[in-house]
Amino acid sequence: MKLTEVVEYLGCKVLNKTPDYNNIIIESVGTADLMSDVLVFGKPGMLLITGLNSPQCVRTASVVGASAVLIVRKLSVQDATIQLAAALEVPLLHLTSSTYKTCGLLYKLGLQDSRGESL
């Protein structure tokens, strides 16, 4: 599924668009607030959903090759996080909804869990 479709469906605010933003495909979804967990299950093509509102989530997403980062539950995102996303060319999205609601909506779309578990 295209990232642009996910953004439209969820109503995300896009904080950083990359040059290839319109062509990014989301193959799976993973959620964690501990970036050490993301280092274990993260993979290319993944949308990382996190409540962590610091540059570390963007850096970790870049390391595992995640396609984009969606920060949830927060009223705003730190400028340092947005700046790092731009520098590393990682699409950064924001949504104030809960992690539970966000994952439930993506489940309805049929997106696969990043661990490869069948939905």
PDB file of N, CA and C in Angstrom:
ATOM      1  N   MET A   1       0.838  -1.164   0.000  1.00  0.00           N
ATOM      2  CA  MET A   1       0.000   0.000   0.000  1.00  0.00           C
ATOM      3  C   MET A   1       0.893   1.240   0.000  1.00  0.00           C
ATOM      4  N   LYS A   2       0.510   2.235  -0.753  1.00  0.00           N
ATOM      5  CA  LYS A   2       1.306   3.461  -0.806  1.00  0.00           C
ATOM      6  C   LYS A   2       1.206   4.243   0.507  1.00  0.00           C
ATOM      7  N   LEU A   3       2.314   4.865   0.889  1.00  0.00           N
ATOM      8  CA  LEU A   3       2.344   5.691   2.082  1.00  0.00           C
ATOM      9  C   LEU A   3       1.311   6.809   1.981  1.00  0.00           C
ATOM     10  N   THR A   4       1.153   7.377   0.810  1.00  0.00           N
ATOM     11  CA  THR A   4       0.179   8.463   0.629  1.00  0.00           C
ATOM     12  C   THR A   4      -1.243   8.000   0.945  1.00  0.00           C
ATOM     13  N   GLU A   5      -1.545   6.747   0.654  1.00  0.00           N
ATOM     14  CA  GLU A   5      -2.867   6.196   0.974  1.00  0.00           C
ATOM     15  C   GLU A   5      -3.045   6.042   2.485  1.00  0.00           C
ATOM     16  N   VAL A   6      -1.990   5.611   3.167  1.00  0.00           N
ATOM     17  CA  VAL A   6      -2.027   5.475   4.617  1.00  0.00           C
ATOM     18  C   VAL A   6      -2.240   6.845   5.261  1.00  0.00           C
ATOM     19  N   VAL A   7      -1.500   7.831   4.782  1.00  0.00           N
ATOM     20  CA  VAL A   7      -1.606   9.198   5.314  1.00  0.00           C
ATOM     21  C   VAL A   7      -3.030   9.726   5.149  1.00  0.00           C
ATOM     22  N   GLU A   8      -3.588   9.533   3.979  1.00  0.00           N
ATOM     23  CA  GLU A   8      -4.950  10.018   3.718  1.00  0.00           C
ATOM     24  C   GLU A   8      -5.970   9.283   4.588  1.00  0.00           C
ATOM     25  N   TYR A   9      -5.841   7.977   4.688  1.00  0.00           N
ATOM     26  CA  TYR A   9      -6.780   7.162   5.458  1.00  0.00           C
ATOM     27  C   TYR A   9      -6.779   7.540   6.936  1.00  0.00           C
ATOM     28  N   LEU A  10      -5.582   7.717   7.498  1.00  0.00           N
ATOM     29  CA  LEU A  10      -5.470   8.044   8.920  1.00  0.00           C
ATOM     30  C   LEU A  10      -5.655   9.531   9.203  1.00  0.00           C
ATOM     31  N   GLY A  11      -5.439  10.362   8.200  1.00  0.00           N
ATOM     32  CA  GLY A  11      -5.493  11.808   8.409  1.00  0.00           C
ATOM     33  C   GLY A  11      -4.257  12.341   9.099  1.00  0.00           C
ATOM     34  N   CYS A  12      -3.116  11.756   8.788  1.00  0.00           N
ATOM     35  CA  CYS A  12      -1.844  12.160   9.403  1.00  0.00           C
ATOM     36  C   CYS A  12      -1.405  13.533   8.910  1.00  0.00           C
ATOM     37  N   LYS A  13      -0.661  14.201   9.763  1.00  0.00           N
ATOM     38  CA  LYS A  13       0.047  15.407   9.355  1.00  0.00           C
ATOM     39  C   LYS A  13       1.426  14.958   8.878  1.00  0.00           C
ATOM     40  N   VAL A  14       1.823  15.407   7.702  1.00  0.00           N
ATOM     41  CA  VAL A  14       3.137  15.058   7.161  1.00  0.00           C
ATOM     42  C   VAL A  14       4.127  16.138   7.582  1.00  0.00           C
ATOM     43  N   LEU A  15       5.125  15.757   8.367  1.00  0.00           N
ATOM     44  CA  LEU A  15       6.116  16.705   8.878  1.00  0.00           C
ATOM     45  C   LEU A  15       7.358  16.764   8.010  1.00  0.00           C
ATOM     46  N   ASN A  16       7.601  15.699   7.261  1.00  0.00           N
ATOM     47  CA  ASN A  16       8.760  15.661   6.372  1.00  0.00           C
ATOM     48  C   ASN A  16       8.446  14.791   5.166  1.00  0.00           C
ATOM     49  N   LYS A  17       8.505  15.390   3.998  1.00  0.00           N
ATOM     50  CA  LYS A  17       8.348  14.644   2.748  1.00  0.00           C
ATOM     51  C   LYS A  17       9.722  14.454   2.135  1.00  0.00           C
ATOM     52  N   THR A  18       9.975  13.259   1.656  1.00  0.00           N
ATOM     53  CA  THR A  18      11.226  12.958   0.985  1.00  0.00           C
ATOM     54  C   THR A  18      11.007  13.063  -0.523  1.00  0.00           C
ATOM     55  N   PRO A  19      12.084  13.114  -1.300  1.00  0.00           N
ATOM     56  CA  PRO A  19      11.919  13.213  -2.754  1.00  0.00           C
ATOM     57  C   PRO A  19      11.061  12.092  -3.353  1.00  0.00           C
ATOM     58  N   ASP A  20      11.124  10.897  -2.766  1.00  0.00           N
ATOM     59  CA  ASP A  20      10.351   9.766  -3.280  1.00  0.00           C
ATOM     60  C   ASP A  20       9.044   9.538  -2.528  1.00  0.00           C
ATOM     61  N   TYR A  21       8.600  10.502  -1.762  1.00  0.00           N
ATOM     62  CA  TYR A  21       7.425  10.386  -0.890  1.00  0.00           C
ATOM     63  C   TYR A  21       6.212   9.769  -1.604  1.00  0.00           C
ATOM     64  N   ASN A  22       5.900  10.224  -2.793  1.00  0.00           N
ATOM     65  CA  ASN A  22       4.700   9.760  -3.498  1.00  0.00           C
ATOM     66  C   ASN A  22       4.805   8.314  -3.989  1.00  0.00           C
ATOM     67  N   ASN A  23       5.991   7.729  -3.959  1.00  0.00           N
ATOM     68  CA  ASN A  23       6.190   6.365  -4.463  1.00  0.00           C
ATOM     69  C   ASN A  23       6.515   5.343  -3.373  1.00  0.00           C
ATOM     70  N   ILE A  24       6.533   5.769  -2.118  1.00  0.00           N
ATOM     71  CA  ILE A  24       6.903   4.860  -1.027  1.00  0.00           C
ATOM     72  C   ILE A  24       5.785   3.853  -0.785  1.00  0.00           C
ATOM     73  N   ILE A  25       6.188   2.590  -0.688  1.00  0.00           N
ATOM     74  CA  ILE A  25       5.254   1.502  -0.418  1.00  0.00           C
ATOM     75  C   ILE A  25       5.453   1.016   1.020  1.00  0.00           C
ATOM     76  N   ILE A  26       4.343   0.871   1.729  1.00  0.00           N
ATOM     77  CA  ILE A  26       4.374   0.307   3.074  1.00  0.00           C
ATOM     78  C   ILE A  26       4.000  -1.160   2.964  1.00  0.00           C
ATOM     79  N   GLU A  27       4.917  -2.021   3.352  1.00  0.00           N
ATOM     80  CA  GLU A  27       4.703  -3.462   3.265  1.00  0.00           C
ATOM     81  C   GLU A  27       4.249  -4.061   4.591  1.00  0.00           C
ATOM     82  N   SER A  28       4.616  -3.396   5.699  1.00  0.00           N
ATOM     83  CA  SER A  28       4.257  -3.909   7.020  1.00  0.00           C
ATOM     84  C   SER A  28       4.247  -2.761   8.019  1.00  0.00           C
ATOM     85  N   VAL A  29       3.736  -3.057   9.210  1.00  0.00           N
ATOM     86  CA  VAL A  29       3.625  -2.063  10.278  1.00  0.00           C
ATOM     87  C   VAL A  29       4.190  -2.667  11.552  1.00  0.00           C
ATOM     88  N   GLY A  30       4.942  -1.848  12.284  1.00  0.00           N
ATOM     89  CA  GLY A  30       5.442  -2.261  13.591  1.00  0.00           C
ATOM     90  C   GLY A  30       5.311  -1.109  14.556  1.00  0.00           C
ATOM     91  N   THR A  31       5.089  -1.413  15.817  1.00  0.00           N
ATOM     92  CA  THR A  31       4.976  -0.362  16.813  1.00  0.00           C
ATOM     93  C   THR A  31       5.818  -0.686  18.042  1.00  0.00           C
ATOM     94  N   ALA A  32       6.493   0.335  18.537  1.00  0.00           N
ATOM     95  CA  ALA A  32       7.315   0.187  19.739  1.00  0.00           C
ATOM     96  C   ALA A  32       7.729   1.566  20.229  1.00  0.00           C
ATOM     97  N   ASP A  33       7.913   1.653  21.528  1.00  0.00           N
ATOM     98  CA  ASP A  33       8.498   2.850  22.119  1.00  0.00           C
ATOM     99  C   ASP A  33       9.944   2.598  22.537  1.00  0.00           C
ATOM    100  N   LEU A  34      10.320   1.347  22.618  1.00  0.00           N
ATOM    101  CA  LEU A  34      11.708   0.987  22.901  1.00  0.00           C
ATOM    102  C   LEU A  34      12.413   0.728  21.571  1.00  0.00           C
ATOM    103  N   MET A  35      13.355   1.562  21.249  1.00  0.00           N
ATOM    104  CA  MET A  35      14.022   1.436  19.957  1.00  0.00           C
ATOM    105  C   MET A  35      14.890   0.190  19.876  1.00  0.00           C
ATOM    106  N   SER A  36      15.259  -0.377  21.017  1.00  0.00           N
ATOM    107  CA  SER A  36      15.979  -1.654  20.986  1.00  0.00           C
ATOM    108  C   SER A  36      15.078  -2.746  20.421  1.00  0.00           C
ATOM    109  N   ASP A  37      13.776  -2.662  20.667  1.00  0.00           N
ATOM    110  CA  ASP A  37      12.835  -3.622  20.074  1.00  0.00           C
ATOM    111  C   ASP A  37      12.784  -3.449  18.558  1.00  0.00           C
ATOM    112  N   VAL A  38      12.802  -2.214  18.100  1.00  0.00           N
ATOM    113  CA  VAL A  38      12.751  -1.940  16.664  1.00  0.00           C
ATOM    114  C   VAL A  38      13.993  -2.505  15.977  1.00  0.00           C
ATOM    115  N   LEU A  39      15.120  -2.446  16.632  1.00  0.00           N
ATOM    116  CA  LEU A  39      16.342  -3.011  16.056  1.00  0.00           C
ATOM    117  C   LEU A  39      16.223  -4.517  15.862  1.00  0.00           C
ATOM    118  N   VAL A  40      15.380  -5.174  16.644  1.00  0.00           N
ATOM    119  CA  VAL A  40      15.181  -6.616  16.525  1.00  0.00           C
ATOM    120  C   VAL A  40      14.198  -6.947  15.407  1.00  0.00           C
ATOM    121  N   PHE A  41      13.034  -6.241  15.338  1.00  0.00           N
ATOM    122  CA  PHE A  41      12.009  -6.623  14.363  1.00  0.00           C
ATOM    123  C   PHE A  41      11.885  -5.691  13.173  1.00  0.00           C
ATOM    124  N   GLY A  42      12.564  -4.574  13.197  1.00  0.00           N
ATOM    125  CA  GLY A  42      12.441  -3.610  12.111  1.00  0.00           C
ATOM    126  C   GLY A  42      13.018  -4.123  10.808  1.00  0.00           C
ATOM    127  N   LYS A  43      12.418  -3.654   9.699  1.00  0.00           N
ATOM    128  CA  LYS A  43      12.903  -4.086   8.391  1.00  0.00           C
ATOM    129  C   LYS A  43      12.489  -3.080   7.324  1.00  0.00           C
ATOM    130  N   PRO A  44      13.126  -3.147   6.171  1.00  0.00           N
ATOM    131  CA  PRO A  44      12.752  -2.258   5.075  1.00  0.00           C
ATOM    132  C   PRO A  44      11.280  -2.439   4.689  1.00  0.00           C
ATOM    133  N   GLY A  45      10.659  -1.345   4.311  1.00  0.00           N
ATOM    134  CA  GLY A  45       9.255  -1.371   3.905  1.00  0.00           C
ATOM    135  C   GLY A  45       8.283  -1.209   5.049  1.00  0.00           C
ATOM    136  N   MET A  46       8.789  -1.081   6.262  1.00  0.00           N
ATOM    137  CA  MET A  46       7.952  -1.005   7.452  1.00  0.00           C
ATOM    138  C   MET A  46       7.569   0.437   7.770  1.00  0.00           C
ATOM    139  N   LEU A  47       6.352   0.615   8.259  1.00  0.00           N
ATOM    140  CA  LEU A  47       5.928   1.870   8.875  1.00  0.00           C
ATOM    141  C   LEU A  47       6.125   1.696  10.368  1.00  0.00           C
ATOM    142  N   LEU A  48       6.983   2.503  10.969  1.00  0.00           N
ATOM    143  CA  LEU A  48       7.215   2.448  12.409  1.00  0.00           C
ATOM    144  C   LEU A  48       6.259   3.399  13.095  1.00  0.00           C
ATOM    145  N   ILE A  49       5.441   2.867  13.989  1.00  0.00           N
ATOM    146  CA  ILE A  49       4.543   3.679  14.806  1.00  0.00           C
ATOM    147  C   ILE A  49       5.122   3.725  16.201  1.00  0.00           C
ATOM    148  N   THR A  50       5.268   4.928  16.734  1.00  0.00           N
ATOM    149  CA  THR A  50       5.866   5.066  18.059  1.00  0.00           C
ATOM    150  C   THR A  50       5.314   6.288  18.779  1.00  0.00           C
ATOM    151  N   GLY A  51       5.349   6.236  20.092  1.00  0.00           N
ATOM    152  CA  GLY A  51       5.018   7.384  20.915  1.00  0.00           C
ATOM    153  C   GLY A  51       6.277   8.126  21.344  1.00  0.00           C
ATOM    154  N   LEU A  52       7.427   7.609  20.958  1.00  0.00           N
ATOM    155  CA  LEU A  52       8.702   8.244  21.286  1.00  0.00           C
ATOM    156  C   LEU A  52       8.850   9.497  20.444  1.00  0.00           C
ATOM    157  N   ASN A  53       9.002  10.600  21.107  1.00  0.00           N
ATOM    158  CA  ASN A  53       9.030  11.897  20.435  1.00  0.00           C
ATOM    159  C   ASN A  53      10.435  12.488  20.502  1.00  0.00           C
ATOM    160  N   SER A  54      11.397  11.746  19.997  1.00  0.00           N
ATOM    161  CA  SER A  54      12.782  12.227  20.010  1.00  0.00           C
ATOM    162  C   SER A  54      13.467  11.798  18.721  1.00  0.00           C
ATOM    163  N   PRO A  55      14.594  12.416  18.422  1.00  0.00           N
ATOM    164  CA  PRO A  55      15.323  12.042  17.201  1.00  0.00           C
ATOM    165  C   PRO A  55      15.695  10.566  17.144  1.00  0.00           C
ATOM    166  N   GLN A  56      15.779   9.900  18.284  1.00  0.00           N
ATOM    167  CA  GLN A  56      16.195   8.493  18.307  1.00  0.00           C
ATOM    168  C   GLN A  56      15.273   7.605  17.480  1.00  0.00           C
ATOM    169  N   CYS A  57      13.977   7.915  17.439  1.00  0.00           N
ATOM    170  CA  CYS A  57      13.058   7.070  16.655  1.00  0.00           C
ATOM    171  C   CYS A  57      13.360   7.188  15.163  1.00  0.00           C
ATOM    172  N   VAL A  58      13.729   8.372  14.708  1.00  0.00           N
ATOM    173  CA  VAL A  58      14.073   8.572  13.301  1.00  0.00           C
ATOM    174  C   VAL A  58      15.400   7.887  12.983  1.00  0.00           C
ATOM    175  N   ARG A  59      16.352   8.020  13.864  1.00  0.00           N
ATOM    176  CA  ARG A  59      17.663   7.392  13.647  1.00  0.00           C
ATOM    177  C   ARG A  59      17.521   5.873  13.581  1.00  0.00           C
ATOM    178  N   THR A  60      16.738   5.308  14.479  1.00  0.00           N
ATOM    179  CA  THR A  60      16.541   3.859  14.489  1.00  0.00           C
ATOM    180  C   THR A  60      15.817   3.401  13.225  1.00  0.00           C
ATOM    181  N   ALA A  61      14.804   4.136  12.812  1.00  0.00           N
ATOM    182  CA  ALA A  61      14.083   3.800  11.580  1.00  0.00           C
ATOM    183  C   ALA A  61      15.033   3.800  10.389  1.00  0.00           C
ATOM    184  N   SER A  62      15.933   4.750  10.360  1.00  0.00           N
ATOM    185  CA  SER A  62      16.910   4.832   9.282  1.00  0.00           C
ATOM    186  C   SER A  62      17.837   3.623   9.294  1.00  0.00           C
ATOM    187  N   VAL A  63      18.261   3.203  10.463  1.00  0.00           N
ATOM    188  CA  VAL A  63      19.175   2.064  10.592  1.00  0.00           C
ATOM    189  C   VAL A  63      18.533   0.777  10.063  1.00  0.00           C
ATOM    190  N   VAL A  64      17.250   0.552  10.379  1.00  0.00           N
ATOM    191  CA  VAL A  64      16.596  -0.693   9.949  1.00  0.00           C
ATOM    192  C   VAL A  64      15.990  -0.587   8.552  1.00  0.00           C
ATOM    193  N   GLY A  65      16.022   0.611   7.979  1.00  0.00           N
ATOM    194  CA  GLY A  65      15.492   0.791   6.628  1.00  0.00           C
ATOM    195  C   GLY A  65      13.989   0.963   6.567  1.00  0.00           C
ATOM    196  N   ALA A  66      13.375   1.360   7.679  1.00  0.00           N
ATOM    197  CA  ALA A  66      11.924   1.584   7.687  1.00  0.00           C
ATOM    198  C   ALA A  66      11.559   2.647   6.656  1.00  0.00           C
ATOM    199  N   SER A  67      10.384   2.501   6.071  1.00  0.00           N
ATOM    200  CA  SER A  67       9.946   3.433   5.029  1.00  0.00           C
ATOM    201  C   SER A  67       9.483   4.776   5.575  1.00  0.00           C
ATOM    202  N   ALA A  68       8.968   4.788   6.815  1.00  0.00           N
ATOM    203  CA  ALA A  68       8.463   6.026   7.400  1.00  0.00           C
ATOM    204  C   ALA A  68       8.274   5.836   8.901  1.00  0.00           C
ATOM    205  N   VAL A  69       8.156   6.964   9.607  1.00  0.00           N
ATOM    206  CA  VAL A  69       7.897   6.966  11.044  1.00  0.00           C
ATOM    207  C   VAL A  69       6.615   7.750  11.289  1.00  0.00           C
ATOM    208  N   LEU A  70       5.739   7.174  12.100  1.00  0.00           N
ATOM    209  CA  LEU A  70       4.506   7.842  12.515  1.00  0.00           C
ATOM    210  C   LEU A  70       4.546   8.000  14.022  1.00  0.00           C
ATOM    211  N   ILE A  71       4.612   9.244  14.481  1.00  0.00           N
ATOM    212  CA  ILE A  71       4.602   9.534  15.916  1.00  0.00           C
ATOM    213  C   ILE A  71       3.146   9.747  16.327  1.00  0.00           C
ATOM    214  N   VAL A  72       2.709   8.984  17.329  1.00  0.00           N
ATOM    215  CA  VAL A  72       1.330   9.049  17.806  1.00  0.00           C
ATOM    216  C   VAL A  72       1.289   9.539  19.255  1.00  0.00           C
ATOM    217  N   ARG A  73       0.091   9.900  19.700  1.00  0.00           N
ATOM    218  CA  ARG A  73      -0.221  10.260  21.095  1.00  0.00           C
ATOM    219  C   ARG A  73       0.293  11.623  21.533  1.00  0.00           C
ATOM    220  N   LYS A  74       1.138  12.261  20.789  1.00  0.00           N
ATOM    221  CA  LYS A  74       1.733  13.525  21.222  1.00  0.00           C
ATOM    222  C   LYS A  74       1.005  14.703  20.580  1.00  0.00           C
ATOM    223  N   LEU A  75       0.984  15.832  21.288  1.00  0.00           N
ATOM    224  CA  LEU A  75       0.363  17.034  20.738  1.00  0.00           C
ATOM    225  C   LEU A  75       1.249  17.701  19.709  1.00  0.00           C
ATOM    226  N   SER A  76       2.561  17.521  19.845  1.00  0.00           N
ATOM    227  CA  SER A  76       3.503  18.103  18.884  1.00  0.00           C
ATOM    228  C   SER A  76       4.743  17.220  18.819  1.00  0.00           C
ATOM    229  N   VAL A  77       5.567  17.485  17.813  1.00  0.00           N
ATOM    230  CA  VAL A  77       6.806  16.730  17.610  1.00  0.00           C
ATOM    231  C   VAL A  77       7.978  17.692  17.751  1.00  0.00           C
ATOM    232  N   GLN A  78       9.021  17.249  18.414  1.00  0.00           N
ATOM    233  CA  GLN A  78      10.197  18.083  18.655  1.00  0.00           C
ATOM    234  C   GLN A  78      10.830  18.527  17.334  1.00  0.00           C
ATOM    235  N   ASP A  79      11.277  19.773  17.292  1.00  0.00           N
ATOM    236  CA  ASP A  79      11.947  20.295  16.095  1.00  0.00           C
ATOM    237  C   ASP A  79      13.177  19.465  15.736  1.00  0.00           C
ATOM    238  N   ALA A  80      13.915  19.006  16.743  1.00  0.00           N
ATOM    239  CA  ALA A  80      15.116  18.209  16.480  1.00  0.00           C
ATOM    240  C   ALA A  80      14.763  16.902  15.764  1.00  0.00           C
ATOM    241  N   THR A  81      13.617  16.349  16.062  1.00  0.00           N
ATOM    242  CA  THR A  81      13.173  15.114  15.417  1.00  0.00           C
ATOM    243  C   THR A  81      12.840  15.384  13.959  1.00  0.00           C
ATOM    244  N   ILE A  82      12.154  16.469  13.706  1.00  0.00           N
ATOM    245  CA  ILE A  82      11.786  16.851  12.335  1.00  0.00           C
ATOM    246  C   ILE A  82      13.037  17.153  11.511  1.00  0.00           C
ATOM    247  N   GLN A  83      13.989  17.853  12.121  1.00  0.00           N
ATOM    248  CA  GLN A  83      15.232  18.198  11.420  1.00  0.00           C
ATOM    249  C   GLN A  83      16.047  16.956  11.070  1.00  0.00           C
ATOM    250  N   LEU A  84      16.110  15.993  11.981  1.00  0.00           N
ATOM    251  CA  LEU A  84      16.855  14.770  11.688  1.00  0.00           C
ATOM    252  C   LEU A  84      16.157  13.966  10.591  1.00  0.00           C
ATOM    253  N   ALA A  85      14.831  13.932  10.615  1.00  0.00           N
ATOM    254  CA  ALA A  85      14.085  13.230   9.562  1.00  0.00           C
ATOM    255  C   ALA A  85      14.403  13.833   8.199  1.00  0.00           C
ATOM    256  N   ALA A  86      14.496  15.139   8.139  1.00  0.00           N
ATOM    257  CA  ALA A  86      14.846  15.798   6.875  1.00  0.00           C
ATOM    258  C   ALA A  86      16.271  15.444   6.460  1.00  0.00           C
ATOM    259  N   ALA A  87      17.192  15.467   7.410  1.00  0.00           N
ATOM    260  CA  ALA A  87      18.595  15.175   7.105  1.00  0.00           C
ATOM    261  C   ALA A  87      18.790  13.728   6.645  1.00  0.00           C
ATOM    262  N   LEU A  88      18.045  12.797   7.240  1.00  0.00           N
ATOM    263  CA  LEU A  88      18.187  11.383   6.900  1.00  0.00           C
ATOM    264  C   LEU A  88      17.207  10.944   5.807  1.00  0.00           C
ATOM    265  N   GLU A  89      16.399  11.871   5.348  1.00  0.00           N
ATOM    266  CA  GLU A  89      15.379  11.607   4.316  1.00  0.00           C
ATOM    267  C   GLU A  89      14.447  10.465   4.714  1.00  0.00           C
ATOM    268  N   VAL A  90      13.909  10.583   5.924  1.00  0.00           N
ATOM    269  CA  VAL A  90      12.918   9.639   6.437  1.00  0.00           C
ATOM    270  C   VAL A  90      11.583  10.385   6.533  1.00  0.00           C
ATOM    271  N   PRO A  91      10.555   9.918   5.840  1.00  0.00           N
ATOM    272  CA  PRO A  91       9.254  10.562   5.971  1.00  0.00           C
ATOM    273  C   PRO A  91       8.783  10.496   7.429  1.00  0.00           C
ATOM    274  N   LEU A  92       8.335  11.627   7.946  1.00  0.00           N
ATOM    275  CA  LEU A  92       7.904  11.717   9.335  1.00  0.00           C
ATOM    276  C   LEU A  92       6.460  12.189   9.368  1.00  0.00           C
ATOM    277  N   LEU A  93       5.625  11.404  10.043  1.00  0.00           N
ATOM    278  CA  LEU A  93       4.200  11.681  10.138  1.00  0.00           C
ATOM    279  C   LEU A  93       3.817  11.885  11.593  1.00  0.00           C
ATOM    280  N   HIS A  94       2.678  12.574  11.804  1.00  0.00           N
ATOM    281  CA  HIS A  94       2.222  12.834  13.167  1.00  0.00           C
ATOM    282  C   HIS A  94       0.717  12.644  13.248  1.00  0.00           C
ATOM    283  N   LEU A  95       0.282  12.042  14.346  1.00  0.00           N
ATOM    284  CA  LEU A  95      -1.133  11.803  14.605  1.00  0.00           C
ATOM    285  C   LEU A  95      -1.331  11.816  16.114  1.00  0.00           C
ATOM    286  N   THR A  96      -2.342  12.510  16.600  1.00  0.00           N
ATOM    287  CA  THR A  96      -2.556  12.577  18.053  1.00  0.00           C
ATOM    288  C   THR A  96      -3.352  11.389  18.591  1.00  0.00           C
ATOM    289  N   SER A  97      -3.841  10.530  17.726  1.00  0.00           N
ATOM    290  CA  SER A  97      -4.607   9.350  18.154  1.00  0.00           C
ATOM    291  C   SER A  97      -3.736   8.386  18.952  1.00  0.00           C
ATOM    292  N   SER A  98      -4.405   7.483  19.658  1.00  0.00           N
ATOM    293  CA  SER A  98      -3.692   6.471  20.436  1.00  0.00           C
ATOM    294  C   SER A  98      -3.042   5.434  19.517  1.00  0.00           C
ATOM    295  N   THR A  99      -2.064   4.755  20.051  1.00  0.00           N
ATOM    296  CA  THR A  99      -1.417   3.675  19.317  1.00  0.00           C
ATOM    297  C   THR A  99      -2.437   2.587  19.003  1.00  0.00           C
ATOM    298  N   TYR A 100      -3.269   2.260  19.963  1.00  0.00           N
ATOM    299  CA  TYR A 100      -4.278   1.224  19.808  1.00  0.00           C
ATOM    300  C   TYR A 100      -5.213   1.525  18.639  1.00  0.00           C
ATOM    301  N   LYS A 101      -5.763   2.722  18.614  1.00  0.00           N
ATOM    302  CA  LYS A 101      -6.690   3.097  17.545  1.00  0.00           C
ATOM    303  C   LYS A 101      -5.984   3.097  16.185  1.00  0.00           C
ATOM    304  N   THR A 102      -4.789   3.651  16.136  1.00  0.00           N
ATOM    305  CA  THR A 102      -4.029   3.737  14.889  1.00  0.00           C
ATOM    306  C   THR A 102      -3.744   2.352  14.329  1.00  0.00           C
ATOM    307  N   CYS A 103      -3.278   1.443  15.181  1.00  0.00           N
ATOM    308  CA  CYS A 103      -2.976   0.085  14.727  1.00  0.00           C
ATOM    309  C   CYS A 103      -4.251  -0.643  14.309  1.00  0.00           C
ATOM    310  N   GLY A 104      -5.336  -0.396  15.010  1.00  0.00           N
ATOM    311  CA  GLY A 104      -6.608  -1.018  14.641  1.00  0.00           C
ATOM    312  C   GLY A 104      -7.069  -0.597  13.259  1.00  0.00           C
ATOM    313  N   LEU A 105      -6.912   0.673  12.952  1.00  0.00           N
ATOM    314  CA  LEU A 105      -7.298   1.168  11.628  1.00  0.00           C
ATOM    315  C   LEU A 105      -6.421   0.561  10.535  1.00  0.00           C
ATOM    316  N   LEU A 106      -5.122   0.444  10.804  1.00  0.00           N
ATOM    317  CA  LEU A 106      -4.220  -0.148   9.818  1.00  0.00           C
ATOM    318  C   LEU A 106      -4.470  -1.641   9.664  1.00  0.00           C
ATOM    319  N   TYR A 107      -4.885  -2.286  10.733  1.00  0.00           N
ATOM    320  CA  TYR A 107      -5.268  -3.700  10.673  1.00  0.00           C
ATOM    321  C   TYR A 107      -6.440  -3.870   9.708  1.00  0.00           C
ATOM    322  N   LYS A 108      -7.411  -2.956   9.797  1.00  0.00           N
ATOM    323  CA  LYS A 108      -8.574  -3.003   8.907  1.00  0.00           C
ATOM    324  C   LYS A 108      -8.171  -2.882   7.436  1.00  0.00           C
ATOM    325  N   LEU A 109      -7.102  -2.161   7.179  1.00  0.00           N
ATOM    326  CA  LEU A 109      -6.616  -2.010   5.805  1.00  0.00           C
ATOM    327  C   LEU A 109      -5.929  -3.275   5.287  1.00  0.00           C
ATOM    328  N   GLY A 110      -5.618  -4.183   6.196  1.00  0.00           N
ATOM    329  CA  GLY A 110      -4.992  -5.432   5.787  1.00  0.00           C
ATOM    330  C   GLY A 110      -3.480  -5.393   5.753  1.00  0.00           C
ATOM    331  N   LEU A 111      -2.874  -4.365   6.340  1.00  0.00           N
ATOM    332  CA  LEU A 111      -1.411  -4.312   6.378  1.00  0.00           C
ATOM    333  C   LEU A 111      -0.860  -5.401   7.290  1.00  0.00           C
ATOM    334  N   GLN A 112       0.261  -5.961   6.908  1.00  0.00           N
ATOM    335  CA  GLN A 112       0.893  -7.063   7.628  1.00  0.00           C
ATOM    336  C   GLN A 112       1.715  -6.552   8.803  1.00  0.00           C
ATOM    337  N   ASP A 113       1.754  -7.355   9.849  1.00  0.00           N
ATOM    338  CA  ASP A 113       2.607  -7.090  11.007  1.00  0.00           C
ATOM    339  C   ASP A 113       4.062  -7.197  10.564  1.00  0.00           C
ATOM    340  N   SER A 114       4.917  -6.331  11.089  1.00  0.00           N
ATOM    341  CA  SER A 114       6.327  -6.323  10.673  1.00  0.00           C
ATOM    342  C   SER A 114       7.065  -7.608  11.027  1.00  0.00           C
ATOM    343  N   ARG A 115       6.533  -8.351  11.945  1.00  0.00           N
ATOM    344  CA  ARG A 115       7.172  -9.619  12.329  1.00  0.00           C
ATOM    345  C   ARG A 115       6.754 -10.761  11.411  1.00  0.00           C
ATOM    346  N   GLY A 116       5.898 -10.452  10.436  1.00  0.00           N
ATOM    347  CA  GLY A 116       5.492 -11.465   9.482  1.00  0.00           C
ATOM    348  C   GLY A 116       4.346 -12.327   9.970  1.00  0.00           C
ATOM    349  N   GLU A 117       3.778 -11.983  11.115  1.00  0.00           N
ATOM    350  CA  GLU A 117       2.657 -12.763  11.651  1.00  0.00           C
ATOM    351  C   GLU A 117       1.400 -12.460  10.834  1.00  0.00           C
ATOM    352  N   SER A 118       0.642 -13.470  10.580  1.00  0.00           N
ATOM    353  CA  SER A 118      -0.576 -13.333   9.802  1.00  0.00           C
ATOM    354  C   SER A 118      -1.625 -12.552  10.585  1.00  0.00           C
ATOM    355  N   LEU A 119      -2.307 -11.660   9.903  1.00  0.00           N
ATOM    356  CA  LEU A 119      -3.382 -10.923  10.536  1.00  0.00           C
ATOM    357  C   LEU A 119      -4.656 -11.656  10.236  1.00  0.00           C
TER     358      LEU A 119
END
